[in-house]
Amino acid sequence: MQKIKKAVIPAAGLGTRMLPISRAVPKEMLPIVDRPAISYLVEEAAASGAEDILIITGRGKDAIENYFDYSIEYEKKLTESGKLDKIEEMRRICSLANVYFLRQKETRGLGHAVLTAKNFVGNEPFFILYGDDIILSETPVCAQLADAYEKHGLPVCGVKPVPWELVYKYCSLKAEQRDDKSYLVTDMIEKPKPDEVYTNLSILGRVLMTPEIFDILEVTPPGAGGEIQLTDAMGILARRSGMTAVDFEGTRFDLGAKLGFLKANVVAAINHPEVGEEFREFLREFAKKLN
């Protein structure tokens, strides 16, 4: 089975749920403690074996490119202060993988964003990491998908059960359970109406896709929200040859929403090697004041 060496991270969305801050700061650059959200995605992809990572951006997203570049000014200042370990860490982030950027000139949906990566991907399987979804886990979620791909030989999506009353916000998979954590998927629908729901299994932020998806995306019409939906194209692929769904290990946070952003910061801060202990104590004391 071919090793997964490429990853695509769509990050061109406006982030309207995070207004007003997203008007000035790309939502992917909002900090989770001391690292921007996009850094977590790149680090997960690299830890899962990706050597070449394409971040699809849009207007006003230059800060993302700057983050993955060397900063001579900061390095000069840190050298003068004797903080060489800080320089080493910044350079480590820049050297995790070969990070490339492609601007999506108009936002026409996740499916369209992935389609722009066709030339980058070529004829290889690849990871897709949704720009809004941060997943904190022991084993990188993309690595979990790669294991399932090696085992079953089908494209893979990372899923979780969502509350039935919220399925309409996500997608619904027609799926037959294989074992404790994996399913055979034979259809899916984006943002289903109540009578269209298959199960409450929904894709949450991670996909391992094969290049066949591009031919499908090229003829996929706009779907929910008037956008080209990746789910619609994957549904065709699932009906043709099937896909695998993996109920992944890890906790997912929706970084496109204020509450998800706040929750991710709390969990990351608790486990942060520098501030974790003090932050835990702060939370204990603060919780005593809550009604």
Protein backbone atom coordinates (compact mmCIF):
# COMPACT_ATOMS: atom_id res chain seq x y z
CA MET A 1 0.00 0.00 0.00
CA GLN A 2 1.33 3.41 -1.02
CA LYS A 3 2.61 5.57 1.85
CA ILE A 4 0.78 8.86 2.35
CA LYS A 5 3.30 11.64 1.73
CA LYS A 6 1.02 14.58 0.89
CA ALA A 7 -1.56 16.58 2.80
CA VAL A 8 -3.96 19.38 1.85
CA ILE A 9 -5.27 21.93 4.35
CA PRO A 10 -8.08 24.16 3.02
CA ALA A 11 -7.81 27.48 4.89
CA ALA A 12 -9.43 30.05 2.63
CA GLY A 13 -12.72 30.53 4.49
CA LEU A 14 -13.68 33.91 5.92
CA GLY A 15 -14.44 32.66 9.43
CA THR A 16 -17.66 34.62 9.84
CA ARG A 17 -18.55 32.74 13.03
CA MET A 18 -15.46 34.27 14.65
CA LEU A 19 -16.28 37.87 13.83
CA PRO A 20 -15.26 40.51 14.68
CA ILE A 21 -11.69 39.23 15.27
CA SER A 22 -11.59 37.22 12.01
CA ARG A 23 -12.02 40.48 10.07
CA ALA A 24 -8.44 41.36 11.02
CA VAL A 25 -6.82 38.03 11.96
CA PRO A 26 -7.24 34.81 9.92
CA LYS A 27 -9.10 32.32 12.10
CA GLU A 28 -6.36 29.77 11.38
CA MET A 29 -3.91 32.12 13.11
CA LEU A 30 -5.92 32.49 16.30
CA PRO A 31 -3.79 31.15 19.16
CA ILE A 32 -4.26 27.97 21.11
CA VAL A 33 -2.13 29.06 24.06
CA ASP A 34 1.07 30.02 22.19
CA ARG A 35 0.67 28.38 18.77
CA PRO A 36 -1.77 29.27 16.00
CA ALA A 37 -4.44 26.74 15.11
CA ILE A 38 -2.88 26.05 11.70
CA SER A 39 0.31 24.87 13.40
CA TYR A 40 -1.57 22.00 15.04
CA LEU A 41 -2.80 20.83 11.63
CA VAL A 42 0.62 20.96 9.99
CA GLU A 43 2.22 19.17 12.93
CA GLU A 44 -0.42 16.42 12.83
CA ALA A 45 0.05 15.88 9.10
CA ALA A 46 3.84 15.77 9.46
CA ALA A 47 3.65 13.39 12.42
CA SER A 48 1.48 11.11 10.25
CA GLY A 49 4.11 10.89 7.51
CA ALA A 50 3.24 13.80 5.22
CA GLU A 51 6.36 15.32 3.68
CA ASP A 52 4.65 17.85 1.39
CA ILE A 53 1.77 19.94 2.75
CA LEU A 54 -0.33 22.35 0.71
CA ILE A 55 -2.23 25.07 2.56
CA ILE A 56 -4.97 26.61 0.43
CA THR A 57 -5.38 30.25 1.41
CA GLY A 58 -7.25 33.34 0.24
CA ARG A 59 -6.97 37.10 0.44
CA GLY A 60 -5.88 38.42 3.82
CA LYS A 61 -4.15 35.18 4.86
CA ASP A 62 -0.52 36.28 4.45
CA ALA A 63 0.10 35.77 8.18
CA ILE A 64 -0.14 32.01 7.65
CA GLU A 65 2.75 32.06 5.17
CA ASN A 66 4.80 34.26 7.47
CA TYR A 67 4.40 31.82 10.35
CA PHE A 68 6.05 28.99 8.42
CA ASP A 69 8.99 31.15 7.33
CA TYR A 70 12.18 31.99 9.20
CA SER A 71 12.11 35.28 11.13
CA ILE A 72 15.53 36.91 10.95
CA GLU A 73 14.46 39.85 13.12
CA TYR A 74 13.25 37.64 15.96
CA GLU A 75 16.26 35.35 15.67
CA LYS A 76 18.62 38.33 15.95
CA LYS A 77 16.82 39.57 19.06
CA LEU A 78 16.73 36.13 20.66
CA THR A 79 20.42 35.55 19.91
CA GLU A 80 21.28 38.81 21.65
CA SER A 81 19.23 37.64 24.66
CA GLY A 82 20.86 34.20 24.71
CA LYS A 83 17.53 32.44 24.06
CA LEU A 84 18.85 30.04 21.46
CA ASP A 85 16.32 27.37 22.44
CA LYS A 86 13.52 29.67 21.21
CA ILE A 87 15.24 29.93 17.83
CA GLU A 88 15.57 26.16 17.65
CA GLU A 89 11.84 25.73 18.32
CA MET A 90 10.81 28.30 15.70
CA ARG A 91 13.04 26.65 13.11
CA ARG A 92 11.69 23.22 14.04
CA ILE A 93 8.17 24.39 13.19
CA CYS A 94 9.38 25.71 9.82
CA SER A 95 11.17 22.45 9.02
CA LEU A 96 8.49 19.88 9.87
CA ALA A 97 7.67 19.38 6.20
CA ASN A 98 7.77 21.13 2.86
CA VAL A 99 4.89 23.60 3.25
CA TYR A 100 3.43 25.13 0.09
CA PHE A 101 0.70 27.71 -0.43
CA LEU A 102 -1.95 28.12 -3.11
CA ARG A 103 -4.52 30.91 -3.18
CA GLN A 104 -8.14 29.96 -3.84
CA LYS A 105 -9.23 32.99 -5.85
CA GLU A 106 -12.91 32.58 -4.97
CA THR A 107 -14.45 30.60 -2.13
CA ARG A 108 -16.80 28.11 -3.76
CA GLY A 109 -16.84 25.45 -1.08
CA LEU A 110 -14.63 22.76 0.39
CA GLY A 111 -14.92 20.59 -2.71
CA HIS A 112 -13.67 23.40 -4.92
CA ALA A 113 -10.78 24.09 -2.52
CA VAL A 114 -9.69 20.45 -2.67
CA LEU A 115 -9.99 20.46 -6.46
CA THR A 116 -7.45 23.28 -6.68
CA ALA A 117 -4.91 20.84 -5.19
CA LYS A 118 -5.16 18.42 -8.13
CA ASN A 119 -1.77 19.25 -9.67
CA PHE A 120 -0.08 19.22 -6.26
CA VAL A 121 -1.45 15.78 -5.37
CA GLY A 122 -0.87 14.09 -8.71
CA ASN A 123 -1.58 10.37 -8.62
CA GLU A 124 -1.09 9.81 -4.90
CA PRO A 125 -3.36 9.27 -1.91
CA PHE A 126 -3.41 12.28 0.41
CA PHE A 127 -4.70 13.60 3.71
CA ILE A 128 -7.26 16.39 3.92
CA LEU A 129 -7.32 18.31 7.20
CA TYR A 130 -10.25 20.69 7.52
CA GLY A 131 -9.01 24.12 8.58
CA ASP A 132 -11.63 24.58 11.31
CA ASP A 133 -11.02 21.30 13.12
CA ILE A 134 -8.35 20.82 15.77
CA ILE A 135 -8.15 17.32 17.24
CA LEU A 136 -6.07 16.64 20.34
CA SER A 137 -5.16 12.96 20.50
CA GLU A 138 -2.49 10.52 21.64
CA THR A 139 -2.06 9.13 18.11
CA PRO A 140 -2.40 11.67 15.27
CA VAL A 141 -5.79 11.21 13.63
CA CYS A 142 -4.28 11.18 10.14
CA ALA A 143 -2.05 8.31 11.25
CA GLN A 144 -5.15 6.45 12.44
CA LEU A 145 -6.70 6.93 9.00
CA ALA A 146 -3.50 5.74 7.31
CA ASP A 147 -3.64 2.51 9.33
CA ALA A 148 -7.22 1.90 8.16
CA TYR A 149 -6.26 2.65 4.55
CA GLU A 150 -3.46 0.10 4.72
CA LYS A 151 -5.85 -2.47 6.22
CA HIS A 152 -8.87 -2.02 3.94
CA GLY A 153 -7.48 -0.34 0.81
CA LEU A 154 -10.29 2.23 0.58
CA PRO A 155 -10.43 6.00 1.09
CA VAL A 156 -11.01 6.82 4.75
CA CYS A 157 -12.91 9.48 6.67
CA GLY A 158 -12.60 10.28 10.36
CA VAL A 159 -15.98 10.25 12.08
CA LYS A 160 -17.73 10.65 15.41
CA PRO A 161 -21.34 10.13 16.45
CA VAL A 162 -23.01 13.53 16.86
CA PRO A 163 -26.28 14.24 18.70
CA TRP A 164 -29.19 13.24 16.48
CA GLU A 165 -30.71 16.69 16.72
CA LEU A 166 -27.50 18.21 15.31
CA VAL A 167 -26.89 15.88 12.36
CA TYR A 168 -28.44 18.48 10.03
CA LYS A 169 -25.41 20.73 10.69
CA TYR A 170 -22.95 18.07 9.53
CA CYS A 171 -23.29 15.10 7.20
CA SER A 172 -24.82 11.67 7.66
CA LEU A 173 -23.12 8.42 6.61
CA LYS A 174 -24.77 5.22 5.46
CA ALA A 175 -22.43 2.86 7.26
CA GLU A 176 -22.16 -0.76 8.34
CA GLN A 177 -19.96 -1.48 11.34
CA ARG A 178 -16.90 -3.66 10.70
CA ASP A 179 -15.38 -3.65 14.19
CA ASP A 180 -15.27 -1.44 17.28
CA LYS A 181 -13.83 1.54 15.44
CA SER A 182 -14.35 1.12 11.69
CA TYR A 183 -17.28 1.06 9.28
CA LEU A 184 -17.91 0.36 5.61
CA VAL A 185 -19.50 3.48 4.11
CA THR A 186 -21.73 3.10 1.04
CA ASP A 187 -23.30 6.57 0.88
CA MET A 188 -23.38 9.96 2.61
CA ILE A 189 -25.30 13.21 2.46
CA GLU A 190 -24.31 16.75 3.44
CA LYS A 191 -26.59 18.68 5.84
CA PRO A 192 -29.45 16.17 5.56
CA LYS A 193 -33.12 16.90 6.09
CA PRO A 194 -34.77 14.78 8.83
CA ASP A 195 -36.02 12.17 6.35
CA GLU A 196 -32.58 11.93 4.69
CA VAL A 197 -30.54 10.94 7.76
CA TYR A 198 -28.79 7.56 7.51
CA THR A 199 -26.98 7.49 10.87
CA ASN A 200 -25.61 10.03 13.33
CA LEU A 201 -22.05 9.30 12.18
CA SER A 202 -20.58 12.50 10.75
CA ILE A 203 -17.21 13.37 9.22
CA LEU A 204 -15.31 15.64 11.61
CA GLY A 205 -12.30 17.23 10.06
CA ARG A 206 -10.11 14.46 8.63
CA VAL A 207 -10.16 12.49 5.37
CA LEU A 208 -7.67 10.26 3.56
CA MET A 209 -8.57 10.52 -0.10
CA THR A 210 -7.40 8.93 -3.34
CA PRO A 211 -6.91 10.90 -6.59
CA GLU A 212 -10.12 9.53 -8.15
CA ILE A 213 -11.91 12.26 -6.22
CA PHE A 214 -10.68 14.96 -8.63
CA ASP A 215 -12.52 13.60 -11.67
CA ILE A 216 -15.67 13.51 -9.57
CA LEU A 217 -15.20 17.01 -8.19
CA GLU A 218 -14.76 18.42 -11.69
CA VAL A 219 -18.37 17.51 -12.51
CA THR A 220 -19.92 17.95 -9.05
CA PRO A 221 -22.61 20.66 -9.12
CA PRO A 222 -23.11 23.10 -6.24
CA GLY A 223 -24.91 21.51 -3.32
CA ALA A 224 -25.78 22.67 0.19
CA GLY A 225 -25.27 26.41 0.60
CA GLY A 226 -24.74 26.81 -3.15
CA GLU A 227 -21.18 25.51 -2.77
CA ILE A 228 -19.31 22.54 -4.25
CA GLN A 229 -19.41 20.08 -1.38
CA LEU A 230 -16.64 17.54 -0.87
CA THR A 231 -19.22 15.31 0.82
CA ASP A 232 -21.27 15.13 -2.40
CA ALA A 233 -18.23 13.93 -4.34
CA MET A 234 -17.26 11.44 -1.63
CA GLY A 235 -20.84 10.15 -1.67
CA ILE A 236 -20.41 9.22 -5.34
CA LEU A 237 -17.12 7.51 -4.53
CA ALA A 238 -18.72 5.62 -1.63
CA ARG A 239 -21.57 4.40 -3.84
CA ARG A 240 -19.11 3.24 -6.50
CA SER A 241 -16.53 1.38 -4.46
CA GLY A 242 -17.12 2.09 -0.77
CA MET A 243 -15.15 4.02 1.80
CA THR A 244 -13.93 3.30 5.30
CA ALA A 245 -14.99 5.38 8.29
CA VAL A 246 -12.89 5.40 11.47
CA ASP A 247 -14.30 6.48 14.82
CA PHE A 248 -11.03 8.14 15.73
CA GLU A 249 -9.37 8.47 19.12
CA GLY A 250 -9.14 12.10 20.17
CA THR A 251 -11.15 15.18 21.10
CA ARG A 252 -12.24 17.47 18.29
CA PHE A 253 -12.71 21.21 18.69
CA ASP A 254 -14.50 23.43 16.19
CA LEU A 255 -12.11 26.37 15.83
CA GLY A 256 -14.57 28.12 13.55
CA ALA A 257 -16.82 28.80 16.54
CA LYS A 258 -16.14 30.83 19.66
CA LEU A 259 -17.05 28.08 22.13
CA GLY A 260 -14.87 25.50 20.38
CA PHE A 261 -11.98 27.96 20.37
CA LEU A 262 -12.33 28.60 24.11
CA LYS A 263 -12.59 24.89 24.96
CA ALA A 264 -9.47 24.07 22.92
CA ASN A 265 -7.51 26.74 24.74
CA VAL A 266 -8.54 25.43 28.15
CA VAL A 267 -7.62 21.82 27.35
CA ALA A 268 -4.32 22.80 25.70
CA ALA A 269 -3.42 25.13 28.56
CA ILE A 270 -4.01 22.44 31.17
CA ASN A 271 -1.49 20.21 29.39
CA HIS A 272 1.01 22.93 28.50
CA PRO A 273 4.49 22.17 29.95
CA GLU A 274 5.15 25.81 30.81
CA VAL A 275 1.86 27.05 32.28
CA GLY A 276 -0.15 23.87 32.83
CA GLU A 277 0.25 23.54 36.62
CA GLU A 278 -0.50 27.18 37.36
CA PHE A 279 -3.45 27.19 35.00
CA ARG A 280 -4.92 24.10 36.66
CA GLU A 281 -4.70 25.82 40.02
CA PHE A 282 -6.31 28.94 38.59
CA LEU A 283 -9.21 26.87 37.24
CA ARG A 284 -9.71 25.13 40.59
CA GLU A 285 -9.94 28.46 42.39
CA PHE A 286 -12.08 30.03 39.70
CA ALA A 287 -14.51 27.10 39.66
CA LYS A 288 -15.21 27.65 43.37
CA LYS A 289 -16.67 31.04 42.51
CA LEU A 290 -19.12 29.69 39.93
CA ASN A 291 -22.76 29.21 40.93
